[in-house]
Every structure is written in C-alpha cells, then in structure tokens.
C-alpha atoms as a PDB file:
ATOM      1  CA  MET A   1     -10.556 -24.064 -31.331  1.00  0.00           C
ATOM      2  CA  ALA A   2     -10.292 -20.248 -31.393  1.00  0.00           C
ATOM      3  CA  ASP A   3      -6.932 -18.616 -31.648  1.00  0.00           C
ATOM      4  CA  VAL A   4      -5.877 -16.623 -28.621  1.00  0.00           C
ATOM      5  CA  ILE A   5      -4.066 -13.459 -29.472  1.00  0.00           C
ATOM      6  CA  SER A   6      -1.774 -12.462 -26.533  1.00  0.00           C
ATOM      7  CA  THR A   7      -0.983  -8.880 -26.078  1.00  0.00           C
ATOM      8  CA  PRO A   8       1.876  -7.739 -23.762  1.00  0.00           C
ATOM      9  CA  SER A   9       0.303  -6.795 -20.463  1.00  0.00           C
ATOM     10  CA  THR A  10       1.624  -3.813 -18.663  1.00  0.00           C
ATOM     11  CA  ASN A  11       0.386  -5.115 -15.253  1.00  0.00           C
ATOM     12  CA  GLU A  12       1.186  -8.375 -13.549  1.00  0.00           C
ATOM     13  CA  PRO A  13      -0.556  -9.875 -10.565  1.00  0.00           C
ATOM     14  CA  VAL A  14       1.323  -9.604  -7.343  1.00  0.00           C
ATOM     15  CA  ALA A  15       0.231 -11.729  -4.261  1.00  0.00           C
ATOM     16  CA  LEU A  16       0.208  -9.690  -1.039  1.00  0.00           C
ATOM     17  CA  ARG A  17      -0.249 -11.342   2.329  1.00  0.00           C
ATOM     18  CA  LEU A  18      -1.773  -9.183   5.067  1.00  0.00           C
ATOM     19  CA  ILE A  19      -2.059 -11.108   8.418  1.00  0.00           C
ATOM     20  CA  ASP A  20      -3.950 -14.126   7.306  1.00  0.00           C
ATOM     21  CA  ARG A  21      -5.359 -13.068   3.944  1.00  0.00           C
ATOM     22  CA  GLU A  22      -3.937 -12.958   0.530  1.00  0.00           C
ATOM     23  CA  PHE A  23      -4.684 -10.360  -2.083  1.00  0.00           C
ATOM     24  CA  LEU A  24      -3.834 -10.331  -5.811  1.00  0.00           C
ATOM     25  CA  ILE A  25      -3.194  -6.773  -7.120  1.00  0.00           C
ATOM     26  CA  ALA A  26      -2.110  -6.033 -10.604  1.00  0.00           C
ATOM     27  CA  CYS A  27       0.601  -3.557 -10.947  1.00  0.00           C
ATOM     28  CA  PRO A  28       3.365  -2.649 -13.575  1.00  0.00           C
ATOM     29  CA  PRO A  29       6.570  -4.562 -13.001  1.00  0.00           C
ATOM     30  CA  GLU A  30       8.636  -1.523 -12.081  1.00  0.00           C
ATOM     31  CA  GLU A  31       6.257  -0.903  -9.149  1.00  0.00           C
ATOM     32  CA  ARG A  32       6.278  -4.447  -7.881  1.00  0.00           C
ATOM     33  CA  ASP A  33       9.104  -3.924  -5.220  1.00  0.00           C
ATOM     34  CA  GLY A  34       7.503  -0.879  -3.869  1.00  0.00           C
ATOM     35  CA  LEU A  35       4.108  -2.553  -3.648  1.00  0.00           C
ATOM     36  CA  LEU A  36       5.642  -5.492  -1.781  1.00  0.00           C
ATOM     37  CA  GLU A  37       7.488  -3.071   0.579  1.00  0.00           C
ATOM     38  CA  ALA A  38       4.311  -1.209   1.291  1.00  0.00           C
ATOM     39  CA  ALA A  39       2.376  -4.382   1.944  1.00  0.00           C
ATOM     40  CA  ASN A  40       5.020  -5.601   4.415  1.00  0.00           C
ATOM     41  CA  PHE A  41       4.844  -2.271   6.148  1.00  0.00           C
ATOM     42  CA  LEU A  42       1.067  -2.502   6.374  1.00  0.00           C
ATOM     43  CA  ASP A  43       1.230  -6.088   7.527  1.00  0.00           C
ATOM     44  CA  ARG A  44       3.602  -5.093  10.385  1.00  0.00           C
ATOM     45  CA  LYS A  45       1.462  -2.235  11.425  1.00  0.00           C
ATOM     46  CA  MET A  46      -1.664  -4.480  11.441  1.00  0.00           C
ATOM     47  CA  ARG A  47       0.060  -7.150  13.452  1.00  0.00           C
ATOM     48  CA  GLU A  48       1.274  -4.352  15.884  1.00  0.00           C
ATOM     49  CA  LEU A  49      -2.295  -3.129  16.326  1.00  0.00           C
ATOM     50  CA  ARG A  50      -3.710  -6.708  16.612  1.00  0.00           C
ATOM     51  CA  ALA A  51      -1.446  -7.296  19.574  1.00  0.00           C
ATOM     52  CA  HIS A  52      -3.165  -4.459  21.395  1.00  0.00           C
ATOM     53  CA  ALA A  53      -6.701  -4.598  20.012  1.00  0.00           C
ATOM     54  CA  LYS A  54      -9.641  -5.782  21.994  1.00  0.00           C
ATOM     55  CA  THR A  55     -11.459  -6.853  18.874  1.00  0.00           C
ATOM     56  CA  PRO A  56      -8.891  -7.772  16.354  1.00  0.00           C
ATOM     57  CA  GLY A  57     -11.026  -8.335  13.260  1.00  0.00           C
ATOM     58  CA  PHE A  58      -9.347  -7.891   9.915  1.00  0.00           C
ATOM     59  CA  ASP A  59     -11.561  -5.056   8.657  1.00  0.00           C
ATOM     60  CA  ARG A  60     -11.021  -3.169  11.929  1.00  0.00           C
ATOM     61  CA  LEU A  61      -7.327  -3.677  11.901  1.00  0.00           C
ATOM     62  CA  ALA A  62      -7.123  -2.400   8.318  1.00  0.00           C
ATOM     63  CA  VAL A  63      -9.059   0.756   9.171  1.00  0.00           C
ATOM     64  CA  LEU A  64      -6.931   1.347  12.250  1.00  0.00           C
ATOM     65  CA  ALA A  65      -3.711   0.770  10.294  1.00  0.00           C
ATOM     66  CA  ALA A  66      -4.870   3.243   7.515  1.00  0.00           C
ATOM     67  CA  ILE A  67      -5.683   5.852  10.174  1.00  0.00           C
ATOM     68  CA  SER A  68      -2.382   5.397  11.947  1.00  0.00           C
ATOM     69  CA  ILE A  69      -0.249   5.467   8.707  1.00  0.00           C
ATOM     70  CA  THR A  70      -2.178   8.407   7.350  1.00  0.00           C
ATOM     71  CA  HIS A  71      -1.661  10.226  10.663  1.00  0.00           C
ATOM     72  CA  GLU A  72       2.115   9.542  10.517  1.00  0.00           C
ATOM     73  CA  TYR A  73       2.214  10.747   6.793  1.00  0.00           C
ATOM     74  CA  LEU A  74       0.373  13.909   7.587  1.00  0.00           C
ATOM     75  CA  GLN A  75       2.670  14.698  10.500  1.00  0.00           C
ATOM     76  CA  LEU A  76       5.672  14.187   8.113  1.00  0.00           C
ATOM     77  CA  GLN A  77       4.060  16.621   5.634  1.00  0.00           C
ATOM     78  CA  LYS A  78       3.707  19.265   8.350  1.00  0.00           C
ATOM     79  CA  ARG A  79       7.468  19.372   8.951  1.00  0.00           C
ATOM     80  CA  PRO A  80       9.338  22.204   7.449  1.00  0.00           C
ATOM     81  CA  ALA A  81      10.848  21.636   4.153  1.00  0.00           C
ATOM     82  CA  PRO A  82      14.592  20.935   4.187  1.00  0.00           C
ATOM     83  CA  SER A  83      16.680  24.117   3.504  1.00  0.00           C
ATOM     84  CA  GLN A  84      18.443  24.528   0.215  1.00  0.00           C
ATOM     85  CA  GLU A  85      21.615  24.826   2.173  1.00  0.00           C
ATOM     86  CA  ASN A  86      21.661  21.158   2.992  1.00  0.00           C
ATOM     87  CA  ASN A  87      21.118  20.345  -0.718  1.00  0.00           C
ATOM     88  CA  SER A  88      18.274  18.140   0.389  1.00  0.00           C
ATOM     89  CA  VAL A  89      15.500  18.026  -2.072  1.00  0.00           C
ATOM     90  CA  PRO A  90      12.329  16.117  -1.284  1.00  0.00           C
ATOM     91  CA  GLU A  91      11.657  13.186  -3.608  1.00  0.00           C
ATOM     92  CA  PRO A  92       9.170  14.131  -6.262  1.00  0.00           C
ATOM     93  CA  GLY A  93       5.974  12.079  -6.687  1.00  0.00           C
ATOM     94  CA  ILE A  94       5.728  10.690  -3.229  1.00  0.00           C
ATOM     95  CA  ALA A  95       2.141  11.915  -2.681  1.00  0.00           C
ATOM     96  CA  ASP A  96       1.131  10.591  -6.090  1.00  0.00           C
ATOM     97  CA  GLY A  97       2.802   7.201  -5.411  1.00  0.00           C
ATOM     98  CA  LEU A  98       1.074   6.936  -2.020  1.00  0.00           C
ATOM     99  CA  ALA A  99      -2.345   7.820  -3.661  1.00  0.00           C
ATOM    100  CA  ASN A 100      -1.787   5.287  -6.324  1.00  0.00           C
ATOM    101  CA  LEU A 101      -0.877   2.552  -3.785  1.00  0.00           C
ATOM    102  CA  ARG A 102      -3.844   3.498  -1.700  1.00  0.00           C
ATOM    103  CA  ARG A 103      -6.166   3.064  -4.682  1.00  0.00           C
ATOM    104  CA  LYS A 104      -4.695  -0.368  -5.440  1.00  0.00           C
ATOM    105  CA  LEU A 105      -5.120  -1.517  -1.731  1.00  0.00           C
ATOM    106  CA  GLU A 106      -8.641  -0.217  -1.602  1.00  0.00           C
ATOM    107  CA  ALA A 107      -9.476  -2.108  -4.822  1.00  0.00           C
ATOM    108  CA  ALA A 108      -8.027  -5.368  -3.415  1.00  0.00           C
ATOM    109  CA  LEU A 109      -9.910  -4.979  -0.274  1.00  0.00           C
ATOM    110  CA  ASP A 110     -13.183  -4.170  -2.030  1.00  0.00           C
ATOM    111  CA  ALA A 111     -12.752  -7.300  -4.244  1.00  0.00           C
ATOM    112  CA  HIS A 112     -11.883  -9.448  -1.220  1.00  0.00           C
ATOM    113  CA  LEU A 113     -14.879  -8.154   0.696  1.00  0.00           C
ATOM    114  CA  LYS A 114     -17.417  -8.741  -2.115  1.00  0.00           C
END
C-alpha cells in the first residue's frame, strides 16, 4: 500500500444550501462564516423572488437574485462617502471580498450545472 502524505490544506469544503440544492465550496477557514452568511442572504433573496416568479426555475432565480443584489450593491456604491467629521471610514476590501465570493459562487454553480 502506498503511503499517503498529507499536507495541511488552506481550504476546507463548506456545504451551502440554496433553496433545494446543496453546493460544496472550498474556502479558507477564516472566510467560512462570511461565506455562510452570504449564502444565507442569497438563499433568502432567491426564496423571496421565487414567491413572486412565474417560472421559478433554480437557474432563473439565481440570475434574478444576482441582478437584484448587484443592483443594490451598485446603488450603495453611488452614495456619497461618509464625511471625515463623522469619523466613519468605509471598511477596506469590501469590493475585493464580494468579487472573491462571486467567483466562488460562480464556480460552485458551474460545477453543479455540468
């Protein structure tokens, strides 16, 4: 029998449930909570859209949710930046984090649809 050399993995599989489908997405342990929170948000948005959709197919709901969430995000980006007087500083890396999460979700959807 061959020896198996295990190396520490930086990514761990996380099971995400969107409506009636489960997806496994690998992510670093420190991003797990954020990924689960994003998946729960997406699941709620998809269920909300399904309640009002004429054709509630999973793929259609995923696209509609992506468009809706992106629209909300872009509207938030258009808001004026908080003034320095309020000592409010926007959290750095939000756009990068969202882009990274989007790539992970797209990869999971691609793998599930193949």
